[in-house]
């Protein structure tokens, strides 16, 4: 492809200027500089000789007379295929206030933590050792006690452990609930935490026990990151996937700190959050956000799943 800045001269009489409207007109005319260069790249990719010439009246894209019809066909096809590309940016969603739902979940989690610190003794039953029953014991999970992947999310080693997860996870959960609805948000958060614990346990043969909601917290980070990227997938040249980079930064800063930090659980929770967030965002973009009925059903199913997991844990106790 040749670039010239001289006016069109008689020596170029065998080169014809391309019409600004190749699909509708053959009349020559000037082009914008960006359009001329883009069309020149298109023709060059299709092995059609061309030149960009700057005349007194503007830019011209000229081609040999023998290749004129082919050039118009190639440009018409290119314009037809890219007429509505890229699509318009997605509309900003109206935020739904679901902070009360998240606050309720956090209060329940705090209340349950307080119960686990008490010596609860029922008549005719031995004292309940919640950590023995519900921790993410890798060896026992591999042997079939899969429910520990859920019950471990509700246990915390101490108050500091609990408060850190409530502070970070609460903010993330509120943001996610406002975006897609509380029922769907909490089911995704819980799902990423459970799947993260299951994968983490499968990679540890023995002597690995963990507790805490941090796996689900990092799942929430992954959900927010991937859902934002999927929603703006057609405009990444303007909005490079900063959410994923931010998620990785949080994983590096928060997910690796501390002597007893379970990096594997954090990492797999984050990765499962990315997967679930991408799938959920695709479905939300296609069918819309869940309505109140579906959100309520998802919330009930999530709560029932945790209760059922604890029922299995207690039932399996020796």
C-alpha atoms as a PDB file:
ATOM      1  CA  UNK A   1       0.000   0.000   0.000  1.00  0.00           C
ATOM      2  CA  UNK A   2       1.418   3.369  -1.004  1.00  0.00           C
ATOM      3  CA  UNK A   3       0.851   6.704   0.710  1.00  0.00           C
ATOM      4  CA  UNK A   4       1.123   9.968  -1.163  1.00  0.00           C
ATOM      5  CA  UNK A   5       0.407  13.576  -0.261  1.00  0.00           C
ATOM      6  CA  UNK A   6       0.518  15.091  -3.727  1.00  0.00           C
ATOM      7  CA  UNK A   7      -2.632  16.077  -5.636  1.00  0.00           C
ATOM      8  CA  UNK A   8      -4.078  13.693  -8.202  1.00  0.00           C
ATOM      9  CA  UNK A   9      -2.234  14.241 -11.463  1.00  0.00           C
ATOM     10  CA  UNK A  10      -2.777  13.083 -15.053  1.00  0.00           C
ATOM     11  CA  UNK A  11      -0.166  10.350 -14.632  1.00  0.00           C
ATOM     12  CA  UNK A  12      -2.610   8.624 -12.314  1.00  0.00           C
ATOM     13  CA  UNK A  13      -5.447   8.671 -14.828  1.00  0.00           C
ATOM     14  CA  UNK A  14      -5.601   4.852 -14.810  1.00  0.00           C
ATOM     15  CA  UNK A  15      -6.271   4.932 -11.030  1.00  0.00           C
ATOM     16  CA  UNK A  16      -9.857   5.722 -10.063  1.00  0.00           C
ATOM     17  CA  UNK A  17     -11.021   7.186  -6.728  1.00  0.00           C
ATOM     18  CA  UNK A  18     -13.289   4.938  -4.722  1.00  0.00           C
ATOM     19  CA  UNK A  19     -16.801   6.159  -3.913  1.00  0.00           C
ATOM     20  CA  UNK A  20     -17.486   7.108  -0.280  1.00  0.00           C
ATOM     21  CA  UNK A  21     -20.585   4.881  -0.562  1.00  0.00           C
ATOM     22  CA  UNK A  22     -19.362   1.708  -2.294  1.00  0.00           C
ATOM     23  CA  UNK A  23     -22.581  -0.175  -1.703  1.00  0.00           C
ATOM     24  CA  UNK A  24     -24.899   2.490  -3.122  1.00  0.00           C
ATOM     25  CA  UNK A  25     -22.998   4.734  -5.483  1.00  0.00           C
ATOM     26  CA  UNK A  26     -20.066   4.720  -7.874  1.00  0.00           C
ATOM     27  CA  UNK A  27     -19.612   8.482  -7.778  1.00  0.00           C
ATOM     28  CA  UNK A  28     -16.173   9.533  -6.556  1.00  0.00           C
ATOM     29  CA  UNK A  29     -15.757  11.717  -3.498  1.00  0.00           C
ATOM     30  CA  UNK A  30     -13.524  12.518  -0.565  1.00  0.00           C
ATOM     31  CA  UNK A  31     -13.097  10.366   2.524  1.00  0.00           C
ATOM     32  CA  UNK A  32     -12.184  11.023   6.115  1.00  0.00           C
ATOM     33  CA  UNK A  33      -8.552  10.211   6.810  1.00  0.00           C
ATOM     34  CA  UNK A  34      -9.402   7.372   9.197  1.00  0.00           C
ATOM     35  CA  UNK A  35     -11.851   5.808   6.745  1.00  0.00           C
ATOM     36  CA  UNK A  36      -9.370   6.031   3.891  1.00  0.00           C
ATOM     37  CA  UNK A  37      -6.663   4.285   5.888  1.00  0.00           C
ATOM     38  CA  UNK A  38      -9.059   1.611   7.185  1.00  0.00           C
ATOM     39  CA  UNK A  39     -10.383   0.849   3.705  1.00  0.00           C
ATOM     40  CA  UNK A  40      -6.855   0.722   2.370  1.00  0.00           C
ATOM     41  CA  UNK A  41      -5.988  -1.939   4.938  1.00  0.00           C
ATOM     42  CA  UNK A  42      -9.088  -3.913   3.958  1.00  0.00           C
ATOM     43  CA  UNK A  43      -8.182  -3.837   0.260  1.00  0.00           C
ATOM     44  CA  UNK A  44      -4.565  -4.687   0.959  1.00  0.00           C
ATOM     45  CA  UNK A  45      -5.694  -7.722   2.998  1.00  0.00           C
ATOM     46  CA  UNK A  46      -7.723  -8.832  -0.054  1.00  0.00           C
ATOM     47  CA  UNK A  47      -4.736  -8.250  -2.395  1.00  0.00           C
ATOM     48  CA  UNK A  48      -6.357  -5.318  -4.172  1.00  0.00           C
ATOM     49  CA  UNK A  49      -3.754  -2.656  -5.068  1.00  0.00           C
ATOM     50  CA  UNK A  50      -4.587   0.806  -3.761  1.00  0.00           C
ATOM     51  CA  UNK A  51      -3.148   4.161  -2.836  1.00  0.00           C
ATOM     52  CA  UNK A  52      -4.116   6.890  -0.429  1.00  0.00           C
ATOM     53  CA  UNK A  53      -3.863  10.327  -1.983  1.00  0.00           C
ATOM     54  CA  UNK A  54      -4.409  13.656  -0.257  1.00  0.00           C
ATOM     55  CA  UNK A  55      -5.860  16.216  -2.619  1.00  0.00           C
ATOM     56  CA  UNK A  56      -6.860  19.819  -2.070  1.00  0.00           C
ATOM     57  CA  UNK A  57     -10.406  18.754  -1.262  1.00  0.00           C
ATOM     58  CA  UNK A  58      -9.514  15.900   1.105  1.00  0.00           C
ATOM     59  CA  UNK A  59      -8.479  12.249   1.123  1.00  0.00           C
ATOM     60  CA  UNK A  60      -8.976   9.858  -1.788  1.00  0.00           C
ATOM     61  CA  UNK A  61      -8.544   6.117  -1.965  1.00  0.00           C
ATOM     62  CA  UNK A  62      -7.621   5.206  -5.536  1.00  0.00           C
ATOM     63  CA  UNK A  63      -7.393   1.818  -7.191  1.00  0.00           C
ATOM     64  CA  UNK A  64      -6.480   0.666 -10.703  1.00  0.00           C
ATOM     65  CA  UNK A  65      -9.380   0.824 -13.150  1.00  0.00           C
ATOM     66  CA  UNK A  66      -9.085  -2.924 -13.746  1.00  0.00           C
ATOM     67  CA  UNK A  67      -9.633  -3.615 -10.023  1.00  0.00           C
ATOM     68  CA  UNK A  68     -12.279  -0.953  -9.434  1.00  0.00           C
ATOM     69  CA  UNK A  69     -15.345  -3.235  -9.397  1.00  0.00           C
ATOM     70  CA  UNK A  70     -13.629  -5.750  -7.155  1.00  0.00           C
ATOM     71  CA  UNK A  71     -12.558  -3.004  -4.753  1.00  0.00           C
ATOM     72  CA  UNK A  72     -16.134  -1.763  -4.463  1.00  0.00           C
ATOM     73  CA  UNK A  73     -17.393  -5.293  -3.796  1.00  0.00           C
ATOM     74  CA  UNK A  74     -14.807  -5.898  -1.074  1.00  0.00           C
ATOM     75  CA  UNK A  75     -15.554  -2.590   0.634  1.00  0.00           C
ATOM     76  CA  UNK A  76     -19.310  -3.153   0.404  1.00  0.00           C
ATOM     77  CA  UNK A  77     -18.964  -6.556   2.059  1.00  0.00           C
ATOM     78  CA  UNK A  78     -16.729  -5.099   4.759  1.00  0.00           C
ATOM     79  CA  UNK A  79     -19.183  -2.301   5.538  1.00  0.00           C
ATOM     80  CA  UNK A  80     -22.147  -4.700   5.603  1.00  0.00           C
ATOM     81  CA  UNK A  81     -20.410  -7.041   8.042  1.00  0.00           C
ATOM     82  CA  UNK A  82     -19.368  -4.206  10.351  1.00  0.00           C
ATOM     83  CA  UNK A  83     -22.352  -1.878  10.061  1.00  0.00           C
ATOM     84  CA  UNK A  84     -23.420  -2.163  13.705  1.00  0.00           C
ATOM     85  CA  UNK A  85     -20.041  -3.000  15.225  1.00  0.00           C
ATOM     86  CA  UNK A  86     -19.144  -2.513  17.966  1.00  0.00           C
ATOM     87  CA  UNK A  87     -22.556  -2.705  19.616  1.00  0.00           C
ATOM     88  CA  UNK A  88     -23.588   0.200  21.832  1.00  0.00           C
ATOM     89  CA  UNK A  89     -22.376   0.112  25.408  1.00  0.00           C
ATOM     90  CA  UNK A  90     -24.751  -1.746  27.750  1.00  0.00           C
ATOM     91  CA  UNK A  91     -27.181   0.382  29.671  1.00  0.00           C
ATOM     92  CA  UNK A  92     -26.335   1.138  33.257  1.00  0.00           C
ATOM     93  CA  UNK A  93     -28.507  -1.081  35.407  1.00  0.00           C
ATOM     94  CA  UNK A  94     -30.778   0.415  37.987  1.00  0.00           C
ATOM     95  CA  UNK A  95     -29.425  -0.559  41.361  1.00  0.00           C
ATOM     96  CA  UNK A  96     -31.783  -2.490  43.591  1.00  0.00           C
ATOM     97  CA  UNK A  97     -31.459  -1.893  47.307  1.00  0.00           C
ATOM     98  CA  UNK A  98     -30.838  -5.300  48.863  1.00  0.00           C
ATOM     99  CA  UNK A  99     -28.612  -4.257  51.754  1.00  0.00           C
ATOM    100  CA  UNK A 100     -31.161  -5.581  54.263  1.00  0.00           C
ATOM    101  CA  UNK A 101     -30.848  -9.111  52.880  1.00  0.00           C
ATOM    102  CA  UNK A 102     -27.074  -9.027  53.132  1.00  0.00           C
ATOM    103  CA  UNK A 103     -27.220  -7.559  56.617  1.00  0.00           C
ATOM    104  CA  UNK A 104     -29.544 -10.380  57.687  1.00  0.00           C
ATOM    105  CA  UNK A 105     -27.128 -12.996  56.370  1.00  0.00           C
ATOM    106  CA  UNK A 106     -24.206 -11.375  58.163  1.00  0.00           C
ATOM    107  CA  UNK A 107     -26.162 -11.238  61.443  1.00  0.00           C
ATOM    108  CA  UNK A 108     -27.054 -14.924  61.115  1.00  0.00           C
ATOM    109  CA  UNK A 109     -23.422 -15.780  60.445  1.00  0.00           C
ATOM    110  CA  UNK A 110     -22.327 -13.793  63.508  1.00  0.00           C
ATOM    111  CA  UNK A 111     -24.991 -15.382  65.661  1.00  0.00           C
ATOM    112  CA  UNK A 112     -23.991 -18.865  64.591  1.00  0.00           C
ATOM    113  CA  UNK A 113     -20.351 -18.088  65.365  1.00  0.00           C
ATOM    114  CA  UNK A 114     -21.358 -17.075  68.889  1.00  0.00           C
ATOM    115  CA  UNK A 115     -23.269 -20.334  69.290  1.00  0.00           C
ATOM    116  CA  UNK A 116     -20.233 -22.360  68.262  1.00  0.00           C
ATOM    117  CA  UNK A 117     -18.254 -20.716  71.067  1.00  0.00           C
ATOM    118  CA  UNK A 118     -20.748 -21.869  73.691  1.00  0.00           C
ATOM    119  CA  UNK A 119     -20.773 -25.257  75.366  1.00  0.00           C
ATOM    120  CA  UNK A 120     -24.198 -26.316  74.169  1.00  0.00           C
ATOM    121  CA  UNK A 121     -25.259 -29.489  75.958  1.00  0.00           C
ATOM    122  CA  UNK A 122     -28.643 -31.038  75.269  1.00  0.00           C
ATOM    123  CA  UNK A 123     -30.108 -33.628  77.663  1.00  0.00           C
ATOM    124  CA  UNK A 124     -29.067 -37.071  76.540  1.00  0.00           C
ATOM    125  CA  UNK A 125     -26.505 -35.798  74.009  1.00  0.00           C
ATOM    126  CA  UNK A 126     -22.758 -35.151  74.281  1.00  0.00           C
ATOM    127  CA  UNK A 127     -21.395 -31.601  73.819  1.00  0.00           C
ATOM    128  CA  UNK A 128     -21.418 -30.472  70.208  1.00  0.00           C
ATOM    129  CA  UNK A 129     -17.971 -29.974  68.700  1.00  0.00           C
ATOM    130  CA  UNK A 130     -18.904 -27.801  65.727  1.00  0.00           C
ATOM    131  CA  UNK A 131     -15.403 -27.624  64.299  1.00  0.00           C
ATOM    132  CA  UNK A 132     -14.961 -31.375  64.329  1.00  0.00           C
ATOM    133  CA  UNK A 133     -18.326 -31.834  62.629  1.00  0.00           C
ATOM    134  CA  UNK A 134     -18.150 -29.062  60.052  1.00  0.00           C
ATOM    135  CA  UNK A 135     -14.569 -28.083  59.235  1.00  0.00           C
ATOM    136  CA  UNK A 136     -13.213 -28.592  55.741  1.00  0.00           C
ATOM    137  CA  UNK A 137     -11.219 -31.690  56.629  1.00  0.00           C
ATOM    138  CA  UNK A 138      -9.676 -32.699  53.303  1.00  0.00           C
ATOM    139  CA  UNK A 139      -9.267 -36.365  54.157  1.00  0.00           C
ATOM    140  CA  UNK A 140     -12.880 -36.756  55.270  1.00  0.00           C
ATOM    141  CA  UNK A 141     -14.189 -34.743  52.318  1.00  0.00           C
ATOM    142  CA  UNK A 142     -12.334 -36.966  49.879  1.00  0.00           C
ATOM    143  CA  UNK A 143     -13.836 -39.975  51.685  1.00  0.00           C
ATOM    144  CA  UNK A 144     -17.344 -38.697  50.899  1.00  0.00           C
ATOM    145  CA  UNK A 145     -18.252 -36.039  53.464  1.00  0.00           C
ATOM    146  CA  UNK A 146     -18.796 -33.403  50.764  1.00  0.00           C
ATOM    147  CA  UNK A 147     -21.141 -31.335  52.964  1.00  0.00           C
ATOM    148  CA  UNK A 148     -18.117 -30.020  54.842  1.00  0.00           C
ATOM    149  CA  UNK A 149     -17.467 -27.758  51.862  1.00  0.00           C
ATOM    150  CA  UNK A 150     -20.602 -25.835  52.888  1.00  0.00           C
ATOM    151  CA  UNK A 151     -20.491 -26.130  56.668  1.00  0.00           C
ATOM    152  CA  UNK A 152     -16.884 -24.913  56.819  1.00  0.00           C
ATOM    153  CA  UNK A 153     -17.996 -21.597  55.303  1.00  0.00           C
ATOM    154  CA  UNK A 154     -20.063 -20.881  58.430  1.00  0.00           C
ATOM    155  CA  UNK A 155     -17.256 -21.548  60.930  1.00  0.00           C
ATOM    156  CA  UNK A 156     -14.529 -19.113  61.998  1.00  0.00           C
ATOM    157  CA  UNK A 157     -11.470 -19.569  64.156  1.00  0.00           C
ATOM    158  CA  UNK A 158     -11.973 -16.393  66.210  1.00  0.00           C
ATOM    159  CA  UNK A 159     -13.689 -13.015  66.262  1.00  0.00           C
ATOM    160  CA  UNK A 160     -10.977 -11.345  64.181  1.00  0.00           C
ATOM    161  CA  UNK A 161     -11.354 -13.998  61.500  1.00  0.00           C
ATOM    162  CA  UNK A 162     -15.135 -13.489  61.500  1.00  0.00           C
ATOM    163  CA  UNK A 163     -15.016  -9.681  61.410  1.00  0.00           C
ATOM    164  CA  UNK A 164     -12.550  -9.578  58.527  1.00  0.00           C
ATOM    165  CA  UNK A 165     -14.786 -11.776  56.400  1.00  0.00           C
ATOM    166  CA  UNK A 166     -17.913  -9.844  57.393  1.00  0.00           C
ATOM    167  CA  UNK A 167     -16.330  -6.486  56.583  1.00  0.00           C
ATOM    168  CA  UNK A 168     -14.955  -7.414  53.165  1.00  0.00           C
ATOM    169  CA  UNK A 169     -17.605  -9.922  52.192  1.00  0.00           C
ATOM    170  CA  UNK A 170     -20.455  -7.675  53.296  1.00  0.00           C
ATOM    171  CA  UNK A 171     -19.405  -4.847  50.987  1.00  0.00           C
ATOM    172  CA  UNK A 172     -18.907  -7.201  48.041  1.00  0.00           C
ATOM    173  CA  UNK A 173     -22.217  -8.966  48.665  1.00  0.00           C
ATOM    174  CA  UNK A 174     -24.132  -5.678  48.795  1.00  0.00           C
ATOM    175  CA  UNK A 175     -22.617  -4.589  45.466  1.00  0.00           C
ATOM    176  CA  UNK A 176     -23.426  -7.907  43.850  1.00  0.00           C
ATOM    177  CA  UNK A 177     -26.949  -8.045  45.271  1.00  0.00           C
ATOM    178  CA  UNK A 178     -27.673  -4.573  43.922  1.00  0.00           C
ATOM    179  CA  UNK A 179     -26.460  -5.639  40.484  1.00  0.00           C
ATOM    180  CA  UNK A 180     -28.252  -8.962  39.977  1.00  0.00           C
ATOM    181  CA  UNK A 181     -30.585  -9.484  42.936  1.00  0.00           C
ATOM    182  CA  UNK A 182     -29.999 -10.915  46.384  1.00  0.00           C
ATOM    183  CA  UNK A 183     -31.131 -14.484  45.716  1.00  0.00           C
ATOM    184  CA  UNK A 184     -28.960 -14.992  42.648  1.00  0.00           C
ATOM    185  CA  UNK A 185     -26.027 -13.151  44.223  1.00  0.00           C
ATOM    186  CA  UNK A 186     -25.961 -15.212  47.406  1.00  0.00           C
ATOM    187  CA  UNK A 187     -26.463 -18.487  45.545  1.00  0.00           C
ATOM    188  CA  UNK A 188     -23.450 -17.653  43.356  1.00  0.00           C
ATOM    189  CA  UNK A 189     -21.346 -16.620  46.354  1.00  0.00           C
ATOM    190  CA  UNK A 190     -22.253 -19.797  48.215  1.00  0.00           C
ATOM    191  CA  UNK A 191     -21.686 -21.922  45.122  1.00  0.00           C
ATOM    192  CA  UNK A 192     -18.216 -20.499  44.493  1.00  0.00           C
ATOM    193  CA  UNK A 193     -17.275 -21.082  48.132  1.00  0.00           C
ATOM    194  CA  UNK A 194     -18.490 -24.686  48.122  1.00  0.00           C
ATOM    195  CA  UNK A 195     -16.828 -25.532  44.811  1.00  0.00           C
ATOM    196  CA  UNK A 196     -13.619 -23.809  45.896  1.00  0.00           C
ATOM    197  CA  UNK A 197     -13.483 -25.884  49.078  1.00  0.00           C
ATOM    198  CA  UNK A 198     -14.191 -29.103  47.184  1.00  0.00           C
ATOM    199  CA  UNK A 199     -11.406 -28.522  44.668  1.00  0.00           C
ATOM    200  CA  UNK A 200      -8.999 -27.432  47.388  1.00  0.00           C
ATOM    201  CA  UNK A 201      -9.733 -30.565  49.439  1.00  0.00           C
ATOM    202  CA  UNK A 202      -9.231 -32.834  46.424  1.00  0.00           C
ATOM    203  CA  UNK A 203      -5.671 -31.546  46.112  1.00  0.00           C
ATOM    204  CA  UNK A 204      -4.818 -32.290  49.768  1.00  0.00           C
ATOM    205  CA  UNK A 205      -4.650 -35.939  50.703  1.00  0.00           C
ATOM    206  CA  UNK A 206      -4.522 -35.497  54.474  1.00  0.00           C
ATOM    207  CA  UNK A 207      -3.684 -33.215  57.388  1.00  0.00           C
ATOM    208  CA  UNK A 208      -5.441 -30.225  55.857  1.00  0.00           C
ATOM    209  CA  UNK A 209      -8.280 -28.615  57.792  1.00  0.00           C
ATOM    210  CA  UNK A 210      -9.721 -25.160  57.156  1.00  0.00           C
ATOM    211  CA  UNK A 211     -12.696 -23.051  58.181  1.00  0.00           C
ATOM    212  CA  UNK A 212     -14.065 -19.652  57.250  1.00  0.00           C
ATOM    213  CA  UNK A 213     -16.165 -17.816  54.678  1.00  0.00           C
ATOM    214  CA  UNK A 214     -13.122 -16.330  52.952  1.00  0.00           C
ATOM    215  CA  UNK A 215     -13.371 -18.874  50.112  1.00  0.00           C
ATOM    216  CA  UNK A 216     -16.816 -17.471  49.333  1.00  0.00           C
ATOM    217  CA  UNK A 217     -15.568 -13.901  49.800  1.00  0.00           C
ATOM    218  CA  UNK A 218     -12.959 -14.409  47.102  1.00  0.00           C
ATOM    219  CA  UNK A 219     -15.643 -16.092  45.042  1.00  0.00           C
ATOM    220  CA  UNK A 220     -17.605 -12.823  45.258  1.00  0.00           C
ATOM    221  CA  UNK A 221     -14.551 -10.941  43.984  1.00  0.00           C
ATOM    222  CA  UNK A 222     -14.323 -13.296  41.005  1.00  0.00           C
ATOM    223  CA  UNK A 223     -18.058 -12.977  40.305  1.00  0.00           C
ATOM    224  CA  UNK A 224     -17.929  -9.183  40.255  1.00  0.00           C
ATOM    225  CA  UNK A 225     -14.816  -9.186  38.085  1.00  0.00           C
ATOM    226  CA  UNK A 226     -15.994 -11.619  35.418  1.00  0.00           C
ATOM    227  CA  UNK A 227     -19.540 -10.252  35.258  1.00  0.00           C
ATOM    228  CA  UNK A 228     -18.171  -6.780  34.529  1.00  0.00           C
ATOM    229  CA  UNK A 229     -15.902  -8.106  31.781  1.00  0.00           C
ATOM    230  CA  UNK A 230     -18.710 -10.123  30.147  1.00  0.00           C
ATOM    231  CA  UNK A 231     -21.081  -7.156  30.293  1.00  0.00           C
ATOM    232  CA  UNK A 232     -18.564  -4.897  28.557  1.00  0.00           C
ATOM    233  CA  UNK A 233     -16.980  -7.558  26.345  1.00  0.00           C
ATOM    234  CA  UNK A 234     -17.570  -5.546  23.148  1.00  0.00           C
ATOM    235  CA  UNK A 235     -15.857  -2.459  24.546  1.00  0.00           C
ATOM    236  CA  UNK A 236     -12.726  -3.872  26.139  1.00  0.00           C
ATOM    237  CA  UNK A 237     -10.539  -1.646  23.971  1.00  0.00           C
ATOM    238  CA  UNK A 238     -11.875   1.272  26.015  1.00  0.00           C
ATOM    239  CA  UNK A 239     -12.375  -0.626  29.244  1.00  0.00           C
ATOM    240  CA  UNK A 240      -9.621  -3.189  29.592  1.00  0.00           C
ATOM    241  CA  UNK A 241     -10.658  -5.831  32.137  1.00  0.00           C
ATOM    242  CA  UNK A 242      -9.590  -3.831  35.158  1.00  0.00           C
ATOM    243  CA  UNK A 243     -12.033  -5.713  37.406  1.00  0.00           C
ATOM    244  CA  UNK A 244     -10.109  -8.967  36.901  1.00  0.00           C
ATOM    245  CA  UNK A 245      -6.840  -7.173  37.569  1.00  0.00           C
ATOM    246  CA  UNK A 246      -8.368  -5.650  40.704  1.00  0.00           C
ATOM    247  CA  UNK A 247      -9.580  -9.085  41.777  1.00  0.00           C
ATOM    248  CA  UNK A 248      -6.138 -10.574  41.326  1.00  0.00           C
ATOM    249  CA  UNK A 249      -4.653  -7.696  43.301  1.00  0.00           C
ATOM    250  CA  UNK A 250      -7.079  -8.325  46.165  1.00  0.00           C
ATOM    251  CA  UNK A 251      -6.267 -12.015  46.028  1.00  0.00           C
ATOM    252  CA  UNK A 252      -2.560 -11.223  46.244  1.00  0.00           C
ATOM    253  CA  UNK A 253      -2.937  -8.679  49.061  1.00  0.00           C
ATOM    254  CA  UNK A 254      -5.676 -10.270  51.176  1.00  0.00           C
ATOM    255  CA  UNK A 255      -5.612 -13.886  50.134  1.00  0.00           C
ATOM    256  CA  UNK A 256      -1.975 -14.625  50.938  1.00  0.00           C
ATOM    257  CA  UNK A 257      -1.589 -12.713  54.211  1.00  0.00           C
ATOM    258  CA  UNK A 258      -1.302 -14.443  57.546  1.00  0.00           C
ATOM    259  CA  UNK A 259       0.352 -17.563  58.837  1.00  0.00           C
ATOM    260  CA  UNK A 260      -2.782 -19.741  58.623  1.00  0.00           C
ATOM    261  CA  UNK A 261      -4.108 -18.399  55.335  1.00  0.00           C
ATOM    262  CA  UNK A 262      -5.416 -21.091  53.019  1.00  0.00           C
ATOM    263  CA  UNK A 263      -4.210 -19.734  49.680  1.00  0.00           C
ATOM    264  CA  UNK A 264      -5.561 -22.710  47.750  1.00  0.00           C
ATOM    265  CA  UNK A 265      -9.105 -22.194  49.029  1.00  0.00           C
ATOM    266  CA  UNK A 266      -8.932 -18.477  48.233  1.00  0.00           C
ATOM    267  CA  UNK A 267      -7.588 -19.110  44.744  1.00  0.00           C
ATOM    268  CA  UNK A 268     -10.137 -21.772  43.837  1.00  0.00           C
ATOM    269  CA  UNK A 269     -12.976 -19.717  45.282  1.00  0.00           C
ATOM    270  CA  UNK A 270     -11.857 -16.805  43.109  1.00  0.00           C
ATOM    271  CA  UNK A 271     -11.569 -18.978  39.995  1.00  0.00           C
ATOM    272  CA  UNK A 272     -14.983 -20.556  40.514  1.00  0.00           C
ATOM    273  CA  UNK A 273     -16.380 -17.078  41.079  1.00  0.00           C
ATOM    274  CA  UNK A 274     -15.041 -16.050  37.674  1.00  0.00           C
ATOM    275  CA  UNK A 275     -16.714 -19.042  36.027  1.00  0.00           C
ATOM    276  CA  UNK A 276     -20.067 -18.648  37.789  1.00  0.00           C
ATOM    277  CA  UNK A 277     -20.062 -14.874  37.346  1.00  0.00           C
ATOM    278  CA  UNK A 278     -19.461 -15.161  33.607  1.00  0.00           C
ATOM    279  CA  UNK A 279     -22.263 -17.701  33.182  1.00  0.00           C
ATOM    280  CA  UNK A 280     -24.677 -15.693  35.334  1.00  0.00           C
ATOM    281  CA  UNK A 281     -23.926 -12.433  33.520  1.00  0.00           C
ATOM    282  CA  UNK A 282     -24.492 -14.101  30.155  1.00  0.00           C
ATOM    283  CA  UNK A 283     -27.880 -15.385  31.331  1.00  0.00           C
ATOM    284  CA  UNK A 284     -28.834 -12.057  32.916  1.00  0.00           C
ATOM    285  CA  UNK A 285     -27.877 -10.234  29.722  1.00  0.00           C
ATOM    286  CA  UNK A 286     -30.058 -12.583  27.703  1.00  0.00           C
ATOM    287  CA  UNK A 287     -33.081 -13.056  29.968  1.00  0.00           C
ATOM    288  CA  UNK A 288     -32.836 -10.134  32.394  1.00  0.00           C
ATOM    289  CA  UNK A 289     -32.372 -10.081  36.142  1.00  0.00           C
ATOM    290  CA  UNK A 290     -34.369 -12.614  38.165  1.00  0.00           C
ATOM    291  CA  UNK A 291     -37.717 -11.391  39.394  1.00  0.00           C
ATOM    292  CA  UNK A 292     -38.780 -11.399  43.048  1.00  0.00           C
ATOM    293  CA  UNK A 293     -40.168 -14.938  42.868  1.00  0.00           C
ATOM    294  CA  UNK A 294     -37.015 -16.477  41.387  1.00  0.00           C
ATOM    295  CA  UNK A 295     -34.780 -14.461  43.692  1.00  0.00           C
ATOM    296  CA  UNK A 296     -36.782 -15.672  46.666  1.00  0.00           C
ATOM    297  CA  UNK A 297     -36.572 -19.267  45.455  1.00  0.00           C
ATOM    298  CA  UNK A 298     -32.803 -19.030  45.026  1.00  0.00           C
ATOM    299  CA  UNK A 299     -32.412 -17.488  48.483  1.00  0.00           C
ATOM    300  CA  UNK A 300     -34.486 -20.247  50.095  1.00  0.00           C
ATOM    301  CA  UNK A 301     -32.559 -22.925  48.191  1.00  0.00           C
ATOM    302  CA  UNK A 302     -29.231 -21.459  49.328  1.00  0.00           C
ATOM    303  CA  UNK A 303     -30.298 -21.317  52.971  1.00  0.00           C
ATOM    304  CA  UNK A 304     -31.773 -24.807  52.757  1.00  0.00           C
ATOM    305  CA  UNK A 305     -28.538 -26.114  51.283  1.00  0.00           C
ATOM    306  CA  UNK A 306     -26.522 -24.853  54.250  1.00  0.00           C
ATOM    307  CA  UNK A 307     -29.054 -26.223  56.771  1.00  0.00           C
ATOM    308  CA  UNK A 308     -29.140 -29.574  54.988  1.00  0.00           C
ATOM    309  CA  UNK A 309     -25.336 -29.729  55.022  1.00  0.00           C
ATOM    310  CA  UNK A 310     -25.296 -29.194  58.779  1.00  0.00           C
ATOM    311  CA  UNK A 311     -28.018 -31.837  59.188  1.00  0.00           C
ATOM    312  CA  UNK A 312     -25.814 -34.319  57.347  1.00  0.00           C
ATOM    313  CA  UNK A 313     -22.835 -33.274  59.475  1.00  0.00           C
ATOM    314  CA  UNK A 314     -24.722 -33.893  62.726  1.00  0.00           C
ATOM    315  CA  UNK A 315     -26.275 -37.106  61.416  1.00  0.00           C
ATOM    316  CA  UNK A 316     -22.876 -38.490  60.469  1.00  0.00           C
ATOM    317  CA  UNK A 317     -21.373 -37.809  63.895  1.00  0.00           C
ATOM    318  CA  UNK A 318     -20.260 -40.990  65.704  1.00  0.00           C
END
